[in-house]
Protein backbone atom coordinates (compact mmCIF):
# COMPACT_ATOMS: atom_id res chain seq x y z
CA MET A 1 131.89 82.93 125.25
CA ILE A 2 132.20 85.08 122.14
CA VAL A 3 130.68 88.39 121.05
CA GLN A 4 128.05 86.60 118.95
CA ASP A 5 126.72 84.80 122.05
CA VAL A 6 125.91 88.12 123.71
CA ILE A 7 124.45 89.53 120.49
CA HIS A 8 122.22 86.48 120.08
CA TYR A 9 120.83 86.92 123.59
CA ILE A 10 120.27 90.67 123.24
CA GLU A 11 118.39 90.11 120.01
CA LYS A 12 115.95 87.82 121.79
CA LEU A 13 114.93 90.89 123.78
CA ALA A 14 115.22 93.35 120.89
CA PRO A 15 115.25 91.69 117.44
CA LEU A 16 116.93 93.99 114.93
CA ALA A 17 114.13 93.29 112.44
CA TYR A 18 112.03 95.80 114.40
CA ALA A 19 114.55 98.66 114.33
CA GLU A 20 113.41 101.69 112.34
CA ASP A 21 114.58 101.92 108.73
CA PHE A 22 116.64 105.07 109.38
CA ASP A 23 118.62 103.44 112.18
CA ASN A 24 122.08 101.86 112.21
CA VAL A 25 122.00 98.89 114.56
CA GLY A 26 123.97 95.72 115.20
CA LEU A 27 127.70 95.11 115.55
CA LEU A 28 129.27 98.42 114.49
CA VAL A 29 132.92 97.72 115.37
CA GLY A 30 134.76 94.45 115.92
CA ASN A 31 134.54 90.77 115.14
CA LYS A 32 131.59 88.66 116.30
CA SER A 33 133.90 85.67 116.88
CA THR A 34 136.08 87.47 119.45
CA LYS A 35 136.26 85.82 122.87
CA ILE A 36 134.78 88.09 125.54
CA SER A 37 136.69 89.30 128.58
CA GLY A 38 133.96 91.62 129.85
CA VAL A 39 130.97 93.73 128.74
CA LEU A 40 130.51 97.43 129.47
CA VAL A 41 126.93 98.71 129.07
CA THR A 42 126.36 102.37 128.26
CA LEU A 43 123.80 104.75 126.78
CA ASP A 44 126.34 106.35 124.43
CA THR A 45 129.83 105.37 123.32
CA LEU A 46 132.24 108.28 123.83
CA GLU A 47 136.03 108.27 124.11
CA SER A 48 135.69 108.34 127.88
CA VAL A 49 133.52 105.23 127.70
CA VAL A 50 136.13 103.40 125.60
CA ASP A 51 138.73 104.44 128.20
CA GLU A 52 136.47 103.00 130.90
CA ALA A 53 136.18 99.75 128.95
CA ILE A 54 139.98 99.55 128.67
CA GLU A 55 140.40 100.21 132.39
CA LYS A 56 137.82 97.58 133.35
CA LYS A 57 139.13 95.02 130.82
CA CYS A 58 135.90 94.90 128.81
CA ASN A 59 136.35 94.16 125.12
CA LEU A 60 132.66 94.55 124.22
CA ILE A 61 130.70 97.77 124.64
CA VAL A 62 126.93 97.39 124.47
CA SER A 63 125.67 100.87 123.67
CA PHE A 64 122.02 101.87 123.32
CA HIS A 65 122.80 104.69 120.85
CA PRO A 66 124.91 103.80 117.79
CA ILE A 67 128.17 105.75 117.62
CA ILE A 68 128.14 105.34 113.84
CA PHE A 69 124.84 106.73 112.58
CA LYS A 70 125.69 108.23 109.22
CA GLY A 71 128.23 106.79 106.81
CA LEU A 72 131.90 107.33 107.62
CA LYS A 73 134.02 108.29 104.60
CA LYS A 74 137.22 108.92 106.53
CA LEU A 75 138.88 107.75 109.75
CA THR A 76 141.30 110.55 110.57
CA GLY A 77 140.27 111.30 114.14
CA LYS A 78 138.84 114.69 113.18
CA THR A 79 135.42 114.11 114.80
CA TYR A 80 134.42 112.53 118.10
CA VAL A 81 132.82 109.66 116.18
CA GLU A 82 136.05 108.92 114.27
CA ARG A 83 138.11 109.12 117.46
CA VAL A 84 135.84 106.64 119.23
CA VAL A 85 136.00 104.16 116.35
CA LEU A 86 139.78 104.46 116.02
CA LYS A 87 140.34 103.99 119.76
CA ALA A 88 138.01 100.98 119.85
CA ILE A 89 139.75 99.32 116.90
CA LYS A 90 143.21 100.06 118.30
CA ASN A 91 142.27 98.39 121.59
CA ASP A 92 140.36 95.45 120.06
CA ILE A 93 137.06 96.57 121.56
CA ALA A 94 133.80 95.65 119.81
CA ILE A 95 130.80 98.00 119.86
CA TYR A 96 127.21 96.80 119.52
CA SER A 97 124.05 98.92 119.44
CA MET A 98 120.35 98.02 119.32
CA HIS A 99 118.76 101.52 119.60
CA THR A 100 115.25 101.60 118.05
CA ALA A 101 115.01 97.80 118.17
CA LEU A 102 114.89 98.21 121.96
CA ASP A 103 112.60 101.23 121.61
CA ASN A 104 110.12 98.96 119.84
CA ALA A 105 110.53 96.01 122.22
CA TYR A 106 107.69 95.33 124.65
CA LEU A 107 110.10 94.98 127.58
CA GLY A 108 112.38 97.73 126.33
CA VAL A 109 113.00 101.43 126.85
CA ASN A 110 109.42 102.55 127.38
CA GLN A 111 108.46 99.72 129.71
CA MET A 112 111.43 100.77 131.84
CA ILE A 113 110.05 104.33 132.00
CA CYS A 114 106.66 102.95 133.05
CA GLU A 115 108.31 100.94 135.82
CA GLN A 116 110.15 104.01 137.09
CA LEU A 117 106.87 105.93 137.18
CA LYS A 118 104.96 102.98 138.67
CA LEU A 119 102.44 102.91 135.82
CA LYS A 120 100.22 99.83 135.63
CA ASN A 121 98.29 97.99 132.89
CA THR A 122 100.78 99.10 130.24
CA ARG A 123 100.28 98.62 126.51
CA ILE A 124 102.04 99.70 123.31
CA LEU A 125 101.14 103.23 122.21
CA ILE A 126 101.91 102.87 118.47
CA PRO A 127 101.97 99.20 117.40
CA GLN A 128 104.39 98.65 114.52
CA ALA A 129 102.81 97.64 111.22
CA ASN A 130 103.86 94.73 108.99
CA THR A 131 105.42 92.69 111.77
CA ILE A 132 103.20 89.61 111.54
CA LYS A 133 103.47 87.04 108.75
CA LYS A 134 101.35 84.06 107.79
CA LEU A 135 102.61 80.69 106.58
CA THR A 136 100.37 78.33 104.63
CA THR A 137 101.54 74.83 103.71
CA TYR A 138 100.19 71.40 102.82
CA VAL A 139 101.26 68.18 104.54
CA PRO A 140 100.13 64.51 104.50
CA LYS A 141 97.27 64.23 106.98
CA ALA A 142 99.12 61.66 109.07
CA GLU A 143 102.02 64.12 109.58
CA ALA A 144 99.95 67.23 110.32
CA GLU A 145 100.22 67.09 114.11
CA THR A 146 103.98 66.55 114.01
CA LEU A 147 104.50 69.50 111.69
CA ARG A 148 102.18 71.78 113.66
CA ASN A 149 104.01 71.06 116.91
CA ALA A 150 107.39 71.62 115.27
CA LEU A 151 106.23 75.00 113.94
CA PHE A 152 104.82 75.93 117.37
CA ASN A 153 108.13 75.02 119.02
CA SER A 154 109.93 77.29 116.54
CA GLY A 155 107.82 80.29 117.53
CA ALA A 156 104.89 80.11 115.13
CA GLY A 157 101.24 80.20 116.20
CA SER A 158 101.38 83.07 118.71
CA ILE A 159 98.67 85.74 118.46
CA GLY A 160 98.68 88.34 121.25
CA ASN A 161 98.17 86.42 124.49
CA TYR A 162 97.44 83.10 122.74
CA ASN A 163 99.88 80.35 121.71
CA ASP A 164 99.68 77.23 119.50
CA CYS A 165 97.20 78.91 117.15
CA SER A 166 96.59 77.41 113.69
CA PHE A 167 93.89 76.86 111.07
CA ASN A 168 93.55 73.46 109.41
CA ILE A 169 91.56 72.13 106.47
CA ASP A 170 91.62 68.54 105.22
CA GLY A 171 91.51 67.88 101.50
CA LEU A 172 93.05 65.98 98.60
CA GLY A 173 96.40 66.87 97.06
CA THR A 174 97.62 65.55 93.71
CA TYR A 175 101.05 65.37 92.09
CA LYS A 176 103.02 63.42 89.50
CA GLY A 177 106.79 63.33 89.68
CA ASN A 178 109.00 63.32 86.58
CA GLU A 179 111.90 60.94 85.90
CA ASN A 180 114.21 62.94 88.19
CA SER A 181 111.83 62.95 91.16
CA ASN A 182 112.04 60.85 94.31
CA PRO A 183 108.55 61.06 95.85
CA THR A 184 108.11 60.16 99.52
CA LEU A 185 104.61 58.87 98.82
CA GLY A 186 103.54 57.38 95.47
CA LYS A 187 105.68 56.54 92.47
CA LYS A 188 107.32 58.81 89.92
CA GLY A 189 105.53 59.10 86.62
CA ILE A 190 102.20 58.11 88.18
CA LEU A 191 99.57 60.63 89.29
CA HIS A 192 99.24 60.34 93.07
CA THR A 193 96.38 61.53 95.26
CA GLU A 194 97.13 62.08 98.95
CA GLU A 195 94.94 63.04 101.88
CA GLU A 196 96.53 66.30 103.04
CA THR A 197 95.98 68.95 105.67
CA LYS A 198 96.33 72.62 104.81
CA ILE A 199 97.99 74.29 107.81
CA THR A 200 98.06 78.04 108.35
CA VAL A 201 100.00 79.70 111.19
CA THR A 202 101.13 83.23 111.95
CA PHE A 203 104.57 84.22 113.23
CA PRO A 204 106.61 87.37 114.02
CA LYS A 205 108.64 88.44 111.01
CA HIS A 206 112.05 88.12 112.68
CA LEU A 207 111.52 84.35 112.94
CA GLU A 208 110.93 83.75 109.22
CA THR A 209 114.26 82.02 108.53
CA GLN A 210 113.80 79.81 111.59
CA ILE A 211 110.20 78.91 110.68
CA VAL A 212 111.04 78.01 107.08
CA SER A 213 114.01 75.93 108.22
CA THR A 214 111.75 73.98 110.60
CA LEU A 215 109.21 73.46 107.84
CA MET A 216 111.82 72.01 105.50
CA LYS A 217 113.38 69.76 108.15
CA THR A 218 110.06 68.39 109.37
CA HIS A 219 108.06 68.04 106.14
CA SER A 220 108.50 64.67 104.41
CA TYR A 221 107.93 65.81 100.82
CA GLU A 222 110.83 66.22 98.40
CA GLU A 223 109.27 69.50 97.21
CA VAL A 224 107.42 71.47 99.87
CA ALA A 225 104.66 73.82 98.71
CA TYR A 226 104.22 76.86 100.95
CA GLU A 227 103.50 80.56 100.85
CA ILE A 228 104.31 83.41 103.23
CA ILE A 229 102.45 86.73 103.26
CA THR A 230 102.48 89.77 105.54
CA ILE A 231 99.14 90.39 107.25
CA GLU A 232 97.58 93.65 108.41
CA ASN A 233 97.10 92.72 112.08
CA LYS A 234 98.94 95.00 114.50
CA ASN A 235 101.40 93.32 116.84
CA GLN A 236 100.43 94.51 120.31
CA HIS A 237 103.87 93.57 121.66
CA ILE A 238 105.99 95.53 119.16
CA GLY A 239 105.96 99.29 118.69
CA MET A 240 106.89 102.77 119.83
CA GLY A 241 105.87 104.24 123.17
CA MET A 242 103.66 102.86 125.93
CA ILE A 243 100.63 103.97 127.86
CA GLY A 244 99.69 103.05 131.41
CA VAL A 245 97.74 104.21 134.44
CA PHE A 246 98.38 105.26 138.01
CA ASP A 247 96.66 103.39 140.83
CA LYS A 248 94.76 106.58 141.59
CA PRO A 249 94.44 110.03 139.99
CA ILE A 250 96.92 112.73 141.01
CA SER A 251 96.98 116.47 140.40
CA GLU A 252 99.07 117.97 137.61
CA LYS A 253 101.56 119.47 140.04
CA GLU A 254 101.86 116.16 141.91
CA PHE A 255 102.39 114.49 138.55
CA LEU A 256 105.18 116.87 137.51
CA SER A 257 106.88 116.45 140.88
CA HIS A 258 106.58 112.67 140.63
CA VAL A 259 108.08 112.65 137.12
CA LYS A 260 110.90 114.95 138.15
CA ASN A 261 111.87 112.74 141.08
CA SER A 262 111.33 109.38 139.38
CA MET A 263 113.17 110.30 136.20
CA LYS A 264 115.90 112.28 137.99
CA THR A 265 115.58 115.30 135.76
CA LYS A 266 116.52 118.84 136.75
CA CYS A 267 114.07 120.51 134.40
CA ILE A 268 110.68 119.70 132.87
CA ARG A 269 109.36 121.78 129.99
CA HIS A 270 105.60 121.41 129.72
CA SER A 271 102.47 122.77 128.07
CA ALA A 272 99.81 124.74 129.92
CA LEU A 273 98.30 123.13 133.01
CA LEU A 274 94.66 122.18 132.49
CA ASN A 275 93.48 121.95 136.11
CA LYS A 276 92.51 118.30 135.79
CA SER A 277 93.76 115.12 137.39
CA ILE A 278 96.25 112.77 135.75
CA THR A 279 95.46 109.06 135.57
CA GLU A 280 96.48 107.74 132.17
CA VAL A 281 99.98 108.56 130.93
CA ALA A 282 101.71 107.94 127.59
CA VAL A 283 105.52 107.74 127.45
CA LEU A 284 108.10 107.61 124.68
CA GLY A 285 111.81 107.73 125.41
CA GLY A 286 113.93 110.01 123.24
CA SER A 287 112.55 112.31 120.54
CA GLY A 288 108.80 111.72 120.60
CA SER A 289 106.97 114.66 119.05
CA PHE A 290 105.70 112.36 116.28
CA ALA A 291 103.62 110.49 118.89
CA ILE A 292 101.69 113.46 120.30
CA ASN A 293 98.59 112.74 118.23
CA ALA A 294 98.76 109.04 119.13
CA ALA A 295 98.89 109.94 122.84
CA LYS A 296 95.87 112.20 122.43
CA ALA A 297 93.96 109.58 120.44
CA ALA A 298 94.67 107.00 123.14
CA GLY A 299 93.05 109.25 125.73
CA ALA A 300 96.19 109.98 127.73
CA ASP A 301 95.99 112.79 130.27
CA ALA A 302 99.72 113.44 129.90
CA PHE A 303 102.55 112.54 127.55
CA ILE A 304 106.18 112.21 128.68
CA THR A 305 108.89 112.43 126.03
CA ALA A 306 111.84 114.61 124.95
CA ASP A 307 113.11 117.05 122.32
CA LEU A 308 109.83 118.89 121.84
CA LYS A 309 110.12 122.07 119.76
CA TYR A 310 108.35 125.36 120.41
CA HIS A 311 105.46 124.66 118.04
CA ASP A 312 105.03 121.09 119.30
CA PHE A 313 103.61 122.41 122.55
CA PHE A 314 100.71 124.05 120.68
CA MET A 315 99.60 120.52 119.75
CA ALA A 316 98.42 120.00 123.34
CA GLU A 317 95.32 121.97 122.31
CA ASN A 318 94.10 122.11 125.89
CA ASN A 319 93.35 118.40 126.15
CA ILE A 320 96.68 116.85 127.18
CA LEU A 321 99.67 117.84 129.32
CA LEU A 322 102.84 117.58 127.21
CA THR A 323 106.09 117.16 129.15
CA ASP A 324 109.66 117.26 127.85
CA ILE A 325 112.01 115.76 130.44
CA GLY A 326 115.19 115.70 128.32
CA HIS A 327 116.53 113.09 125.90
CA TYR A 328 119.17 111.60 128.19
CA GLU A 329 116.85 111.70 131.18
CA SER A 330 114.12 109.79 129.36
CA GLU A 331 116.50 106.97 128.35
CA GLN A 332 119.00 106.91 131.22
CA PHE A 333 117.64 103.73 132.83
CA THR A 334 117.99 101.75 129.62
CA LYS A 335 121.51 100.67 130.52
CA ASN A 336 120.25 99.37 133.87
CA LEU A 337 117.69 97.30 131.97
CA LEU A 338 120.39 95.81 129.74
CA VAL A 339 122.75 95.02 132.63
CA SER A 340 119.96 93.26 134.51
CA TYR A 341 118.97 91.30 131.41
CA LEU A 342 122.53 90.21 130.53
CA THR A 343 123.52 89.36 134.10
CA LYS A 344 120.75 86.76 134.31
CA LYS A 345 122.27 84.88 131.38
CA PHE A 346 126.04 85.37 131.61
CA THR A 347 127.88 84.64 134.83
CA ASN A 348 131.32 83.64 133.55
CA PHE A 349 132.47 87.18 132.73
CA ALA A 350 131.72 90.66 134.04
CA ILE A 351 128.66 92.65 132.91
CA ILE A 352 129.47 96.18 134.03
CA LEU A 353 127.21 99.24 134.19
CA SER A 354 129.16 102.22 132.87
CA ASN A 355 129.53 105.00 135.41
CA THR A 356 130.30 107.58 132.72
CA ASN A 357 127.62 110.26 132.42
CA THR A 358 127.30 110.78 128.67
CA ASN A 359 124.62 113.51 128.81
CA PRO A 360 125.86 116.36 126.56
CA VAL A 361 123.22 118.77 127.94
CA LYS A 362 124.10 120.77 131.05
CA TYR A 363 121.86 122.91 133.24
CA PHE A 364 122.71 126.19 134.99
């Protein structure tokens, strides 16, 4: 197995097409064709993590956070980022990060938080826009079923909880090939009329190359007419944050105690208690102040996130309990998620959960 095999599998869970524009994701260090000896999974890549990878004979580090976030102009070892990159290169260790691609994945960071808290009936808090595309093409009527099924098998035709979705209209298509043409049906230089079916299917944007390739391989025409547009529908399986419910309401103090124990945090900063029960809870791992209004609009009784500033707490406005549990604490179980996911697929080399605590924040 090579590095690219692991990357390909990770990107089925968290396609990089859904990472935020500001992010730096993918293979950051190393060669995708390198044969793998072992994989170390971590939240952050520090020098101590690279040392752990060397000790455990892992030549691929899968790190949630990217060690290279801003552009590097020098590699002198002056900063911790430069030292990590230099040590990884020196020891032939590749580093891969998926970061906000996994934040936006339905079974990613925020679903893991919901599982830790035992929240049920979860759904995406802020569905990501512009993630669904629509393909329209025209095919000889006799070939319509074959093409539809091929597109479905390539991942097209899924809308929410429905699969194999398409819209079809029968009509007449006309064409006349020039002297350089080689028409499948009809003869060049002669106007041809063919009974055709107009097929329209939707698909997630990260599959566009795959869908177009299938179209070209399956369609019989020498020149295939098609169009692809982005539609306005929100993808309910891609986006930031999640919201779920407890089996039964609990008091605010019970809620805070439950969060503290479940998320293994030593400190919770929160807005004023409102003397009401907590049933519906929104969560967003990492820095989530931008989602406060979304949590309120969704009707959440409480919002769990990290990195809230002083003035962010005023946004509670006496109708939601805002809780800041710490950045590391909110994302710490992400590496467990990745280990579990990778272990199910790869059994011929070690998938190791890093035991290095990379939390830079300490409590007194």
